[in-house]
């Protein structure tokens, strides 16, 4: 498959089969994250692989909306960054998370990014604090997101090329379409 095909086929999935992710596939997914570019080669990200159903349920409950499907995922990778050593931790972690998603897609696996930074429960508890407590994450590390990984339970159509918003691309100067 070409990269052009891969990027069109990579879609977010929130429903997974009960099949486990093969250890070799997980290793390749983590390898992609560890090889992702970082600002000044800081590599200050950390990754926690979670496959325990109890912990997955607790992480799913860390935010009021948008993460409940994590409880049914066979595994998830929590993406962490050290804001004390890397002022670009958000960008570096984002690149690593997307590298994992691309590698998973190349392996025929499904993923979905679940935002945790800046999210929380309706009673005001931060998702980051909940995830930190569930996994014993030290205070110097920030939780950016959780990437759910598994075998897709349903097929998704590729991105529709006709819906690309080329009007959002500007050359040399920003031009208003008004």
C-alpha atoms as a PDB file:
ATOM      1  CA  UNK A   1       0.000   0.000   0.000  1.00  0.00           C
ATOM      2  CA  UNK A   2       1.285   3.466  -0.812  1.00  0.00           C
ATOM      3  CA  UNK A   3       1.345   6.247   1.753  1.00  0.00           C
ATOM      4  CA  UNK A   4      -1.372   8.016  -0.258  1.00  0.00           C
ATOM      5  CA  UNK A   5      -3.607   4.950   0.165  1.00  0.00           C
ATOM      6  CA  UNK A   6      -2.691   4.507   3.834  1.00  0.00           C
ATOM      7  CA  UNK A   7      -3.530   8.095   4.755  1.00  0.00           C
ATOM      8  CA  UNK A   8      -6.884   7.835   2.955  1.00  0.00           C
ATOM      9  CA  UNK A   9      -7.729   4.527   4.645  1.00  0.00           C
ATOM     10  CA  UNK A  10      -6.687   5.497   8.193  1.00  0.00           C
ATOM     11  CA  UNK A  11      -9.889   6.327  10.031  1.00  0.00           C
ATOM     12  CA  UNK A  12     -10.775   6.502  13.716  1.00  0.00           C
ATOM     13  CA  UNK A  13     -12.497   3.407  15.063  1.00  0.00           C
ATOM     14  CA  UNK A  14     -14.425   3.190  18.306  1.00  0.00           C
ATOM     15  CA  UNK A  15     -15.524  -0.441  18.002  1.00  0.00           C
ATOM     16  CA  UNK A  16     -13.066  -3.298  18.226  1.00  0.00           C
ATOM     17  CA  UNK A  17     -13.262  -7.080  18.112  1.00  0.00           C
ATOM     18  CA  UNK A  18     -12.247  -9.083  21.177  1.00  0.00           C
ATOM     19  CA  UNK A  19      -9.088 -10.269  19.398  1.00  0.00           C
ATOM     20  CA  UNK A  20      -5.838  -9.386  21.120  1.00  0.00           C
ATOM     21  CA  UNK A  21      -3.206  -7.254  19.436  1.00  0.00           C
ATOM     22  CA  UNK A  22      -0.211  -9.437  18.606  1.00  0.00           C
ATOM     23  CA  UNK A  23       2.918  -8.618  20.643  1.00  0.00           C
ATOM     24  CA  UNK A  24       4.947  -8.105  17.449  1.00  0.00           C
ATOM     25  CA  UNK A  25       2.354  -5.620  16.175  1.00  0.00           C
ATOM     26  CA  UNK A  26       2.387  -3.731  19.479  1.00  0.00           C
ATOM     27  CA  UNK A  27       6.171  -3.633  19.330  1.00  0.00           C
ATOM     28  CA  UNK A  28       6.059  -2.088  15.835  1.00  0.00           C
ATOM     29  CA  UNK A  29       3.483   0.476  16.979  1.00  0.00           C
ATOM     30  CA  UNK A  30       5.651   1.496  19.927  1.00  0.00           C
ATOM     31  CA  UNK A  31       8.736   1.532  17.684  1.00  0.00           C
ATOM     32  CA  UNK A  32       6.977   4.056  15.439  1.00  0.00           C
ATOM     33  CA  UNK A  33       6.347   6.293  18.453  1.00  0.00           C
ATOM     34  CA  UNK A  34       9.931   5.976  19.650  1.00  0.00           C
ATOM     35  CA  UNK A  35      11.230   6.869  16.182  1.00  0.00           C
ATOM     36  CA  UNK A  36       9.007   9.923  15.793  1.00  0.00           C
ATOM     37  CA  UNK A  37      10.727  13.293  15.537  1.00  0.00           C
ATOM     38  CA  UNK A  38      10.956  15.527  18.596  1.00  0.00           C
ATOM     39  CA  UNK A  39      12.048  19.090  19.232  1.00  0.00           C
ATOM     40  CA  UNK A  40      15.815  19.176  19.746  1.00  0.00           C
ATOM     41  CA  UNK A  41      15.717  15.353  19.893  1.00  0.00           C
ATOM     42  CA  UNK A  42      14.492  15.632  23.504  1.00  0.00           C
ATOM     43  CA  UNK A  43      12.466  12.415  23.319  1.00  0.00           C
ATOM     44  CA  UNK A  44      10.884  13.359  26.613  1.00  0.00           C
ATOM     45  CA  UNK A  45       7.702  11.417  25.945  1.00  0.00           C
ATOM     46  CA  UNK A  46       6.731   8.281  27.827  1.00  0.00           C
ATOM     47  CA  UNK A  47       4.186   5.613  26.915  1.00  0.00           C
ATOM     48  CA  UNK A  48       2.105   3.380  29.168  1.00  0.00           C
ATOM     49  CA  UNK A  49       0.533   0.341  27.509  1.00  0.00           C
ATOM     50  CA  UNK A  50      -2.690  -0.641  29.261  1.00  0.00           C
ATOM     51  CA  UNK A  51      -4.426  -3.944  28.566  1.00  0.00           C
ATOM     52  CA  UNK A  52      -5.992  -4.593  31.957  1.00  0.00           C
ATOM     53  CA  UNK A  53      -9.806  -4.353  31.561  1.00  0.00           C
ATOM     54  CA  UNK A  54     -10.270  -2.755  34.995  1.00  0.00           C
ATOM     55  CA  UNK A  55      -7.762  -0.008  34.261  1.00  0.00           C
ATOM     56  CA  UNK A  56      -9.183   0.511  30.771  1.00  0.00           C
ATOM     57  CA  UNK A  57     -12.639   1.056  32.336  1.00  0.00           C
ATOM     58  CA  UNK A  58     -11.179   3.554  34.836  1.00  0.00           C
ATOM     59  CA  UNK A  59      -9.430   5.458  32.054  1.00  0.00           C
ATOM     60  CA  UNK A  60     -12.653   5.408  29.993  1.00  0.00           C
ATOM     61  CA  UNK A  61     -14.411   7.065  32.928  1.00  0.00           C
ATOM     62  CA  UNK A  62     -11.766   9.820  33.197  1.00  0.00           C
ATOM     63  CA  UNK A  63     -13.815  12.103  30.972  1.00  0.00           C
ATOM     64  CA  UNK A  64     -17.531  12.599  30.686  1.00  0.00           C
ATOM     65  CA  UNK A  65     -17.811  12.309  26.918  1.00  0.00           C
ATOM     66  CA  UNK A  66     -15.860  10.743  24.099  1.00  0.00           C
ATOM     67  CA  UNK A  67     -13.888   8.037  25.845  1.00  0.00           C
ATOM     68  CA  UNK A  68     -16.341   5.380  26.982  1.00  0.00           C
ATOM     69  CA  UNK A  69     -15.409   3.036  24.126  1.00  0.00           C
ATOM     70  CA  UNK A  70     -11.941   2.636  25.712  1.00  0.00           C
ATOM     71  CA  UNK A  71     -13.481   0.142  28.117  1.00  0.00           C
ATOM     72  CA  UNK A  72     -14.036  -2.255  25.198  1.00  0.00           C
ATOM     73  CA  UNK A  73     -10.648  -1.776  23.520  1.00  0.00           C
ATOM     74  CA  UNK A  74      -8.175  -4.642  23.838  1.00  0.00           C
ATOM     75  CA  UNK A  75      -5.437  -2.169  24.713  1.00  0.00           C
ATOM     76  CA  UNK A  76      -4.577   1.485  24.863  1.00  0.00           C
ATOM     77  CA  UNK A  77      -1.374   3.498  24.895  1.00  0.00           C
ATOM     78  CA  UNK A  78      -1.296   6.495  27.219  1.00  0.00           C
ATOM     79  CA  UNK A  79       0.921   9.229  25.774  1.00  0.00           C
ATOM     80  CA  UNK A  80       2.802  11.331  28.311  1.00  0.00           C
ATOM     81  CA  UNK A  81       5.174  14.270  28.030  1.00  0.00           C
ATOM     82  CA  UNK A  82       7.576  15.961  30.405  1.00  0.00           C
ATOM     83  CA  UNK A  83       6.730  19.653  30.305  1.00  0.00           C
ATOM     84  CA  UNK A  84       9.646  20.460  32.623  1.00  0.00           C
ATOM     85  CA  UNK A  85      12.277  19.351  30.099  1.00  0.00           C
ATOM     86  CA  UNK A  86      10.488  19.972  26.812  1.00  0.00           C
ATOM     87  CA  UNK A  87       8.469  23.086  26.012  1.00  0.00           C
ATOM     88  CA  UNK A  88       7.252  21.296  22.864  1.00  0.00           C
ATOM     89  CA  UNK A  89       5.909  18.261  24.741  1.00  0.00           C
ATOM     90  CA  UNK A  90       2.415  18.647  23.282  1.00  0.00           C
ATOM     91  CA  UNK A  91       3.703  18.751  19.727  1.00  0.00           C
ATOM     92  CA  UNK A  92       6.191  15.910  20.297  1.00  0.00           C
ATOM     93  CA  UNK A  93       3.564  13.693  21.928  1.00  0.00           C
ATOM     94  CA  UNK A  94       1.078  14.480  19.163  1.00  0.00           C
ATOM     95  CA  UNK A  95       3.529  13.421  16.492  1.00  0.00           C
ATOM     96  CA  UNK A  96       4.304  10.194  18.396  1.00  0.00           C
ATOM     97  CA  UNK A  97       0.604   9.413  18.837  1.00  0.00           C
ATOM     98  CA  UNK A  98      -0.062   9.893  15.138  1.00  0.00           C
ATOM     99  CA  UNK A  99       2.981   7.802  14.202  1.00  0.00           C
ATOM    100  CA  UNK A 100       1.441   4.987  16.275  1.00  0.00           C
ATOM    101  CA  UNK A 101      -1.868   5.420  14.467  1.00  0.00           C
ATOM    102  CA  UNK A 102      -0.233   5.265  11.045  1.00  0.00           C
ATOM    103  CA  UNK A 103       1.790   2.167  11.952  1.00  0.00           C
ATOM    104  CA  UNK A 104      -1.318   0.478  13.324  1.00  0.00           C
ATOM    105  CA  UNK A 105      -3.228   1.266  10.120  1.00  0.00           C
ATOM    106  CA  UNK A 106      -0.402  -0.189   8.072  1.00  0.00           C
ATOM    107  CA  UNK A 107      -0.773  -3.397  10.127  1.00  0.00           C
ATOM    108  CA  UNK A 108      -4.541  -3.493   9.491  1.00  0.00           C
ATOM    109  CA  UNK A 109      -5.345  -2.421  13.052  1.00  0.00           C
ATOM    110  CA  UNK A 110      -7.768   0.260  14.158  1.00  0.00           C
ATOM    111  CA  UNK A 111      -7.062   3.184  16.475  1.00  0.00           C
ATOM    112  CA  UNK A 112      -8.712   6.206  17.975  1.00  0.00           C
ATOM    113  CA  UNK A 113      -7.127   9.207  19.692  1.00  0.00           C
ATOM    114  CA  UNK A 114      -8.853  10.068  22.983  1.00  0.00           C
ATOM    115  CA  UNK A 115      -7.966  13.566  24.161  1.00  0.00           C
ATOM    116  CA  UNK A 116      -7.253  13.809  27.900  1.00  0.00           C
ATOM    117  CA  UNK A 117      -5.373  17.102  28.289  1.00  0.00           C
ATOM    118  CA  UNK A 118      -7.874  19.795  29.146  1.00  0.00           C
ATOM    119  CA  UNK A 119     -10.752  17.328  29.539  1.00  0.00           C
ATOM    120  CA  UNK A 120     -12.511  15.908  32.580  1.00  0.00           C
ATOM    121  CA  UNK A 121     -15.691  14.841  34.251  1.00  0.00           C
ATOM    122  CA  UNK A 122     -18.882  16.837  34.716  1.00  0.00           C
ATOM    123  CA  UNK A 123     -18.034  17.311  38.397  1.00  0.00           C
ATOM    124  CA  UNK A 124     -14.844  19.152  37.431  1.00  0.00           C
ATOM    125  CA  UNK A 125     -12.212  16.472  38.031  1.00  0.00           C
ATOM    126  CA  UNK A 126      -9.516  16.573  35.377  1.00  0.00           C
ATOM    127  CA  UNK A 127      -9.053  13.552  33.128  1.00  0.00           C
ATOM    128  CA  UNK A 128      -5.324  13.976  33.477  1.00  0.00           C
ATOM    129  CA  UNK A 129      -5.500  13.658  37.277  1.00  0.00           C
ATOM    130  CA  UNK A 130      -7.708  10.565  37.016  1.00  0.00           C
ATOM    131  CA  UNK A 131      -5.400   8.833  34.526  1.00  0.00           C
ATOM    132  CA  UNK A 132      -2.366   9.834  36.601  1.00  0.00           C
ATOM    133  CA  UNK A 133      -3.966   8.217  39.664  1.00  0.00           C
ATOM    134  CA  UNK A 134      -5.034   5.038  37.861  1.00  0.00           C
ATOM    135  CA  UNK A 135      -1.567   4.421  36.431  1.00  0.00           C
ATOM    136  CA  UNK A 136       0.699   5.901  39.124  1.00  0.00           C
ATOM    137  CA  UNK A 137       2.121   8.542  36.778  1.00  0.00           C
ATOM    138  CA  UNK A 138       4.560  10.979  38.424  1.00  0.00           C
ATOM    139  CA  UNK A 139       3.647  14.660  38.671  1.00  0.00           C
ATOM    140  CA  UNK A 140       6.312  15.822  36.204  1.00  0.00           C
ATOM    141  CA  UNK A 141       4.605  13.969  33.348  1.00  0.00           C
ATOM    142  CA  UNK A 142       1.548  15.365  31.609  1.00  0.00           C
ATOM    143  CA  UNK A 143      -1.123  13.203  29.993  1.00  0.00           C
ATOM    144  CA  UNK A 144      -1.858  14.289  26.439  1.00  0.00           C
ATOM    145  CA  UNK A 145      -4.017  11.494  25.085  1.00  0.00           C
ATOM    146  CA  UNK A 146      -4.805   7.812  25.018  1.00  0.00           C
ATOM    147  CA  UNK A 147      -4.626   5.880  21.743  1.00  0.00           C
ATOM    148  CA  UNK A 148      -7.030   2.936  21.670  1.00  0.00           C
ATOM    149  CA  UNK A 149      -5.728   0.040  19.559  1.00  0.00           C
ATOM    150  CA  UNK A 150      -7.439  -3.106  18.328  1.00  0.00           C
ATOM    151  CA  UNK A 151      -8.850  -5.032  15.422  1.00  0.00           C
ATOM    152  CA  UNK A 152     -11.678  -3.111  13.732  1.00  0.00           C
ATOM    153  CA  UNK A 153     -15.176  -4.429  14.424  1.00  0.00           C
ATOM    154  CA  UNK A 154     -16.546  -2.649  11.375  1.00  0.00           C
ATOM    155  CA  UNK A 155     -15.243  -1.368   8.086  1.00  0.00           C
ATOM    156  CA  UNK A 156     -14.924   2.341   7.426  1.00  0.00           C
ATOM    157  CA  UNK A 157     -14.849   3.910   3.999  1.00  0.00           C
ATOM    158  CA  UNK A 158     -11.699   5.770   2.961  1.00  0.00           C
ATOM    159  CA  UNK A 159     -11.618   9.542   3.258  1.00  0.00           C
ATOM    160  CA  UNK A 160     -13.716  11.201   0.577  1.00  0.00           C
ATOM    161  CA  UNK A 161     -11.348  13.192  -1.636  1.00  0.00           C
ATOM    162  CA  UNK A 162     -14.232  15.397  -2.752  1.00  0.00           C
ATOM    163  CA  UNK A 163     -14.699  16.651   0.812  1.00  0.00           C
ATOM    164  CA  UNK A 164     -11.138  17.909   1.226  1.00  0.00           C
ATOM    165  CA  UNK A 165     -11.209  21.594   2.154  1.00  0.00           C
ATOM    166  CA  UNK A 166      -8.685  22.925  -0.334  1.00  0.00           C
ATOM    167  CA  UNK A 167     -10.070  26.411   0.323  1.00  0.00           C
ATOM    168  CA  UNK A 168      -8.282  26.214   3.691  1.00  0.00           C
ATOM    169  CA  UNK A 169      -4.911  26.136   1.930  1.00  0.00           C
ATOM    170  CA  UNK A 170      -3.316  29.512   1.188  1.00  0.00           C
ATOM    171  CA  UNK A 171      -0.246  30.199  -0.929  1.00  0.00           C
ATOM    172  CA  UNK A 172       2.156  32.991   0.071  1.00  0.00           C
ATOM    173  CA  UNK A 173      -0.521  35.080   1.801  1.00  0.00           C
ATOM    174  CA  UNK A 174      -3.703  34.317   3.672  1.00  0.00           C
ATOM    175  CA  UNK A 175      -6.620  35.104   1.412  1.00  0.00           C
ATOM    176  CA  UNK A 176     -10.168  35.451   2.590  1.00  0.00           C
ATOM    177  CA  UNK A 177     -12.807  33.523   0.673  1.00  0.00           C
ATOM    178  CA  UNK A 178     -15.484  36.099   1.553  1.00  0.00           C
END
